[in-house]
C-alpha atoms as a PDB file:
ATOM      1  CA  MET A   1       0.000   0.000   0.000  1.00  0.00           C
ATOM      2  CA  PHE A   2       2.791   2.407   0.955  1.00  0.00           C
ATOM      3  CA  GLY A   3       4.600   1.624  -2.308  1.00  0.00           C
ATOM      4  CA  THR A   4       1.482   2.380  -4.358  1.00  0.00           C
ATOM      5  CA  ALA A   5       0.842   5.645  -2.505  1.00  0.00           C
ATOM      6  CA  PHE A   6       4.486   6.650  -2.964  1.00  0.00           C
ATOM      7  CA  LEU A   7       4.325   5.928  -6.700  1.00  0.00           C
ATOM      8  CA  VAL A   8       1.117   7.926  -7.059  1.00  0.00           C
ATOM      9  CA  ALA A   9       2.579  10.850  -5.099  1.00  0.00           C
ATOM     10  CA  ALA A  10       5.865  10.709  -7.045  1.00  0.00           C
ATOM     11  CA  SER A  11       3.945  10.602 -10.322  1.00  0.00           C
ATOM     12  CA  MET A  12       1.941  13.676  -9.284  1.00  0.00           C
ATOM     13  CA  VAL A  13       5.097  15.592  -8.304  1.00  0.00           C
ATOM     14  CA  LEU A  14       6.772  14.688 -11.607  1.00  0.00           C
ATOM     15  CA  ALA A  15       3.672  15.693 -13.580  1.00  0.00           C
ATOM     16  CA  GLN A  16       3.567  19.049 -11.782  1.00  0.00           C
ATOM     17  CA  ALA A  17       7.281  19.577 -12.421  1.00  0.00           C
ATOM     18  CA  GLU A  18       6.791  18.812 -16.124  1.00  0.00           C
ATOM     19  CA  GLN A  19       3.848  21.234 -16.307  1.00  0.00           C
ATOM     20  CA  SER A  20       5.896  23.918 -14.544  1.00  0.00           C
ATOM     21  CA  ALA A  21       8.797  23.360 -16.927  1.00  0.00           C
ATOM     22  CA  GLU A  22       6.458  23.523 -19.925  1.00  0.00           C
ATOM     23  CA  ALA A  23       4.684  26.636 -18.636  1.00  0.00           C
ATOM     24  CA  LYS A  24       7.887  28.550 -17.861  1.00  0.00           C
ATOM     25  CA  PRO A  25       8.667  30.852 -20.795  1.00  0.00           C
ATOM     26  CA  GLU A  26      12.182  31.207 -22.156  1.00  0.00           C
ATOM     27  CA  TYR A  27      12.157  34.983 -21.617  1.00  0.00           C
ATOM     28  CA  ASP A  28      11.689  37.615 -18.925  1.00  0.00           C
ATOM     29  CA  LEU A  29       7.943  37.845 -18.186  1.00  0.00           C
ATOM     30  CA  ASN A  30       8.177  41.645 -18.354  1.00  0.00           C
ATOM     31  CA  LEU A  31       8.666  41.176 -22.118  1.00  0.00           C
ATOM     32  CA  GLU A  32       5.402  39.226 -22.531  1.00  0.00           C
ATOM     33  CA  PRO A  33       3.647  42.054 -24.470  1.00  0.00           C
ATOM     34  CA  ILE A  34       6.174  41.752 -27.316  1.00  0.00           C
ATOM     35  CA  ALA A  35       6.733  37.969 -27.261  1.00  0.00           C
ATOM     36  CA  TRP A  36       4.397  37.433 -30.240  1.00  0.00           C
ATOM     37  CA  LEU A  37       6.958  39.202 -32.471  1.00  0.00           C
ATOM     38  CA  ILE A  38       9.405  36.272 -32.215  1.00  0.00           C
ATOM     39  CA  GLY A  39       9.887  34.719 -35.653  1.00  0.00           C
ATOM     40  CA  GLU A  40      10.499  35.756 -39.248  1.00  0.00           C
ATOM     41  CA  TRP A  41       8.378  38.326 -41.066  1.00  0.00           C
ATOM     42  CA  THR A  42       8.315  39.852 -44.545  1.00  0.00           C
ATOM     43  CA  SER A  43       6.752  42.930 -46.135  1.00  0.00           C
ATOM     44  CA  GLU A  44       6.523  43.868 -49.800  1.00  0.00           C
ATOM     45  CA  GLN A  45       6.374  47.657 -49.898  1.00  0.00           C
ATOM     46  CA  THR A  46       5.222  49.507 -52.996  1.00  0.00           C
ATOM     47  CA  THR A  47       5.401  53.016 -54.401  1.00  0.00           C
ATOM     48  CA  GLY A  48       2.348  55.246 -54.766  1.00  0.00           C
ATOM     49  CA  THR A  49       1.838  53.795 -58.268  1.00  0.00           C
ATOM     50  CA  GLY A  50       1.878  50.206 -56.981  1.00  0.00           C
ATOM     51  CA  ASP A  51       5.374  49.292 -58.196  1.00  0.00           C
ATOM     52  CA  LEU A  52       7.497  47.210 -55.820  1.00  0.00           C
ATOM     53  CA  LYS A  53       9.825  49.560 -53.938  1.00  0.00           C
ATOM     54  CA  GLN A  54      11.459  47.086 -51.566  1.00  0.00           C
ATOM     55  CA  THR A  55      11.034  43.814 -49.726  1.00  0.00           C
ATOM     56  CA  VAL A  56      11.729  43.944 -45.996  1.00  0.00           C
ATOM     57  CA  ARG A  57      12.658  40.830 -44.038  1.00  0.00           C
ATOM     58  CA  VAL A  58      12.590  40.940 -40.232  1.00  0.00           C
ATOM     59  CA  THR A  59      13.921  38.290 -37.860  1.00  0.00           C
ATOM     60  CA  THR A  60      13.301  38.481 -34.113  1.00  0.00           C
ATOM     61  CA  LYS A  61      14.726  36.220 -31.434  1.00  0.00           C
ATOM     62  CA  TRP A  62      15.469  36.198 -27.740  1.00  0.00           C
ATOM     63  CA  MET A  63      18.954  37.129 -26.598  1.00  0.00           C
ATOM     64  CA  ALA A  64      20.834  37.522 -23.301  1.00  0.00           C
ATOM     65  CA  ASN A  65      19.038  34.547 -21.739  1.00  0.00           C
ATOM     66  CA  GLY A  66      15.630  36.013 -22.575  1.00  0.00           C
ATOM     67  CA  LYS A  67      16.364  39.417 -21.036  1.00  0.00           C
ATOM     68  CA  ALA A  68      16.096  41.144 -24.409  1.00  0.00           C
ATOM     69  CA  MET A  69      14.683  40.696 -27.902  1.00  0.00           C
ATOM     70  CA  LEU A  70      16.923  41.184 -30.933  1.00  0.00           C
ATOM     71  CA  LEU A  71      15.266  42.360 -34.157  1.00  0.00           C
ATOM     72  CA  GLU A  72      17.231  42.434 -37.404  1.00  0.00           C
ATOM     73  CA  ALA A  73      15.675  43.986 -40.504  1.00  0.00           C
ATOM     74  CA  THR A  74      16.970  44.181 -44.072  1.00  0.00           C
ATOM     75  CA  ALA A  75      15.325  45.874 -47.037  1.00  0.00           C
ATOM     76  CA  ARG A  76      16.185  44.877 -50.585  1.00  0.00           C
ATOM     77  CA  LYS A  77      15.377  46.704 -53.803  1.00  0.00           C
ATOM     78  CA  PRO A  78      13.451  44.831 -56.528  1.00  0.00           C
ATOM     79  CA  ASP A  79      16.769  43.803 -58.150  1.00  0.00           C
ATOM     80  CA  GLY A  80      17.877  42.192 -54.859  1.00  0.00           C
ATOM     81  CA  THR A  81      20.493  44.762 -53.881  1.00  0.00           C
ATOM     82  CA  PRO A  82      20.433  45.926 -50.252  1.00  0.00           C
ATOM     83  CA  ASN A  83      18.552  49.166 -49.580  1.00  0.00           C
ATOM     84  CA  TRP A  84      19.021  49.484 -45.804  1.00  0.00           C
ATOM     85  CA  SER A  85      19.410  47.415 -42.639  1.00  0.00           C
ATOM     86  CA  GLU A  86      18.609  47.910 -38.963  1.00  0.00           C
ATOM     87  CA  VAL A  87      19.349  46.230 -35.655  1.00  0.00           C
ATOM     88  CA  LEU A  88      16.965  46.816 -32.754  1.00  0.00           C
ATOM     89  CA  VAL A  89      17.035  45.624 -29.155  1.00  0.00           C
ATOM     90  CA  ASN A  90      13.914  45.634 -26.941  1.00  0.00           C
ATOM     91  CA  TYR A  91      14.517  45.157 -23.207  1.00  0.00           C
ATOM     92  CA  TRP A  92      12.894  45.708 -19.811  1.00  0.00           C
ATOM     93  CA  ASP A  93      14.166  48.877 -18.130  1.00  0.00           C
ATOM     94  CA  PRO A  94      13.702  48.386 -14.376  1.00  0.00           C
ATOM     95  CA  SER A  95      14.191  52.107 -13.638  1.00  0.00           C
ATOM     96  CA  GLN A  96      11.290  53.110 -15.936  1.00  0.00           C
ATOM     97  CA  LYS A  97       9.358  49.866 -15.388  1.00  0.00           C
ATOM     98  CA  ARG A  98       8.747  49.791 -19.143  1.00  0.00           C
ATOM     99  CA  ILE A  99       9.945  48.014 -22.247  1.00  0.00           C
ATOM    100  CA  CYS A 100      12.488  50.207 -24.033  1.00  0.00           C
ATOM    101  CA  MET A 101      14.115  49.928 -27.443  1.00  0.00           C
ATOM    102  CA  HIS A 102      17.260  51.102 -29.197  1.00  0.00           C
ATOM    103  CA  LEU A 103      17.761  50.877 -32.959  1.00  0.00           C
ATOM    104  CA  VAL A 104      20.763  51.563 -35.181  1.00  0.00           C
ATOM    105  CA  GLY A 105      20.193  51.906 -38.919  1.00  0.00           C
ATOM    106  CA  SER A 106      22.613  51.633 -41.827  1.00  0.00           C
ATOM    107  CA  GLY A 107      21.664  55.158 -42.899  1.00  0.00           C
ATOM    108  CA  GLY A 108      23.455  56.597 -39.874  1.00  0.00           C
ATOM    109  CA  TYR A 109      20.311  57.127 -37.794  1.00  0.00           C
ATOM    110  CA  VAL A 110      19.490  55.904 -34.313  1.00  0.00           C
ATOM    111  CA  ILE A 111      16.117  55.527 -32.630  1.00  0.00           C
ATOM    112  CA  GLN A 112      15.330  55.105 -28.975  1.00  0.00           C
ATOM    113  CA  GLY A 113      11.877  54.634 -27.591  1.00  0.00           C
ATOM    114  CA  THR A 114       9.611  53.406 -24.855  1.00  0.00           C
ATOM    115  CA  LEU A 115       6.607  51.106 -25.099  1.00  0.00           C
ATOM    116  CA  MET A 116       3.800  53.245 -23.686  1.00  0.00           C
ATOM    117  CA  GLU A 117       0.901  50.832 -24.164  1.00  0.00           C
ATOM    118  CA  ALA A 118       0.320  47.250 -25.239  1.00  0.00           C
ATOM    119  CA  ASN A 119      -3.131  45.796 -25.826  1.00  0.00           C
ATOM    120  CA  GLU A 120      -4.980  43.450 -28.176  1.00  0.00           C
ATOM    121  CA  THR A 121      -4.789  46.017 -31.009  1.00  0.00           C
ATOM    122  CA  GLY A 122      -1.039  46.481 -30.857  1.00  0.00           C
ATOM    123  CA  LEU A 123       2.060  48.032 -29.383  1.00  0.00           C
ATOM    124  CA  PHE A 124       2.354  51.809 -29.009  1.00  0.00           C
ATOM    125  CA  TYR A 125       5.839  53.334 -28.714  1.00  0.00           C
ATOM    126  CA  GLU A 126       7.026  56.923 -28.310  1.00  0.00           C
ATOM    127  CA  GLN A 127      10.341  57.349 -30.113  1.00  0.00           C
ATOM    128  CA  THR A 128      13.129  59.864 -30.641  1.00  0.00           C
ATOM    129  CA  TRP A 129      14.842  59.588 -34.012  1.00  0.00           C
ATOM    130  CA  VAL A 130      18.314  61.093 -34.421  1.00  0.00           C
ATOM    131  CA  PHE A 131      19.307  61.389 -38.068  1.00  0.00           C
ATOM    132  CA  GLY A 132      22.849  61.206 -39.467  1.00  0.00           C
ATOM    133  CA  ASN A 133      23.034  65.018 -39.653  1.00  0.00           C
ATOM    134  CA  GLY A 134      22.149  65.361 -35.940  1.00  0.00           C
ATOM    135  CA  ASN A 135      18.575  66.547 -36.484  1.00  0.00           C
ATOM    136  CA  GLN A 136      15.885  64.937 -34.336  1.00  0.00           C
ATOM    137  CA  GLY A 137      12.291  63.920 -34.825  1.00  0.00           C
ATOM    138  CA  TYR A 138       9.731  62.671 -32.329  1.00  0.00           C
ATOM    139  CA  TYR A 139       7.357  59.939 -33.481  1.00  0.00           C
ATOM    140  CA  LYS A 140       4.548  57.730 -32.257  1.00  0.00           C
ATOM    141  CA  ASN A 141       4.965  54.195 -33.580  1.00  0.00           C
ATOM    142  CA  LYS A 142       2.097  51.715 -33.774  1.00  0.00           C
ATOM    143  CA  ILE A 143       2.695  48.030 -34.403  1.00  0.00           C
ATOM    144  CA  GLY A 144      -0.911  47.056 -35.070  1.00  0.00           C
ATOM    145  CA  ARG A 145      -2.628  43.687 -34.724  1.00  0.00           C
ATOM    146  CA  GLN A 146      -6.015  42.267 -35.475  1.00  0.00           C
ATOM    147  CA  PRO A 147      -7.284  40.435 -32.372  1.00  0.00           C
ATOM    148  CA  GLY A 148      -6.757  36.702 -32.799  1.00  0.00           C
ATOM    149  CA  GLU A 149      -4.503  37.148 -35.861  1.00  0.00           C
ATOM    150  CA  ALA A 150      -1.025  35.776 -35.072  1.00  0.00           C
ATOM    151  CA  ASP A 151       0.453  35.786 -38.575  1.00  0.00           C
ATOM    152  CA  SER A 152       0.396  39.458 -39.577  1.00  0.00           C
ATOM    153  CA  PHE A 153       0.846  42.965 -38.247  1.00  0.00           C
ATOM    154  CA  THR A 154       1.182  46.526 -39.515  1.00  0.00           C
ATOM    155  CA  ASN A 155       3.937  48.964 -38.622  1.00  0.00           C
ATOM    156  CA  GLY A 156       3.627  52.727 -39.023  1.00  0.00           C
ATOM    157  CA  TRP A 157       4.820  56.038 -37.584  1.00  0.00           C
ATOM    158  CA  THR A 158       3.266  59.465 -37.113  1.00  0.00           C
ATOM    159  CA  LYS A 159       5.544  62.466 -36.609  1.00  0.00           C
ATOM    160  CA  VAL A 160       4.800  64.484 -33.476  1.00  0.00           C
ATOM    161  CA  SER A 161       7.473  67.178 -33.940  1.00  0.00           C
ATOM    162  CA  GLY A 162      10.954  67.858 -35.285  1.00  0.00           C
ATOM    163  CA  MET A 163      12.583  66.719 -38.492  1.00  0.00           C
ATOM    164  CA  GLY A 164      11.645  63.817 -40.766  1.00  0.00           C
ATOM    165  CA  ASN A 165       8.644  62.621 -42.773  1.00  0.00           C
ATOM    166  CA  GLN A 166       5.122  63.343 -41.501  1.00  0.00           C
ATOM    167  CA  ASP A 167       3.810  59.786 -41.647  1.00  0.00           C
ATOM    168  CA  ILE A 168       5.548  56.556 -42.555  1.00  0.00           C
ATOM    169  CA  GLY A 169       3.485  53.479 -43.393  1.00  0.00           C
ATOM    170  CA  PRO A 170       1.664  51.595 -42.156  1.00  0.00           C
ATOM    171  CA  PHE A 171       3.322  48.624 -43.801  1.00  0.00           C
ATOM    172  CA  GLU A 172       1.858  45.111 -43.602  1.00  0.00           C
ATOM    173  CA  PHE A 173       4.051  42.236 -42.456  1.00  0.00           C
ATOM    174  CA  LYS A 174       3.295  38.529 -42.821  1.00  0.00           C
ATOM    175  CA  ARG A 175       4.808  35.732 -40.736  1.00  0.00           C
ATOM    176  CA  VAL A 176       7.245  33.503 -42.661  1.00  0.00           C
ATOM    177  CA  LYS A 177       8.190  31.284 -39.663  1.00  0.00           C
END
């Protein structure tokens, strides 16, 4: 009887341990609002006349033992030559108690921002863009989602003040992997 009870209890403990191991994410739980971005994405962006301007490929993955998310983006012209590239890191800033981001682009620009809101319709960042000539622009960035849709999103910016384009996008991205 004792042996049976021990086996049942041991089985229950092992089952709970397996469930805990399965339930534990591979990243810092503070980054949960952006976890859905992990994977590979692509966007075919066109000119105002509908001609293909560039194809953008984005890859996101966890880094630093899940303490940050690395995003690498590359845009190619229709002939396949590189147009631009960017590297972005999202991370939890314990002093602000917010997700922050830093981006460096091949055009000599840098962007830093803070995730101000995350909900079922998307991620809402406030960003400071510093261009290669030192001029700055302040933007609101929306990475939009349709509730329940895991395989696409839109990405667009609205200028608040400073230098740069008024509005950029939104551009539609589709999940590749």
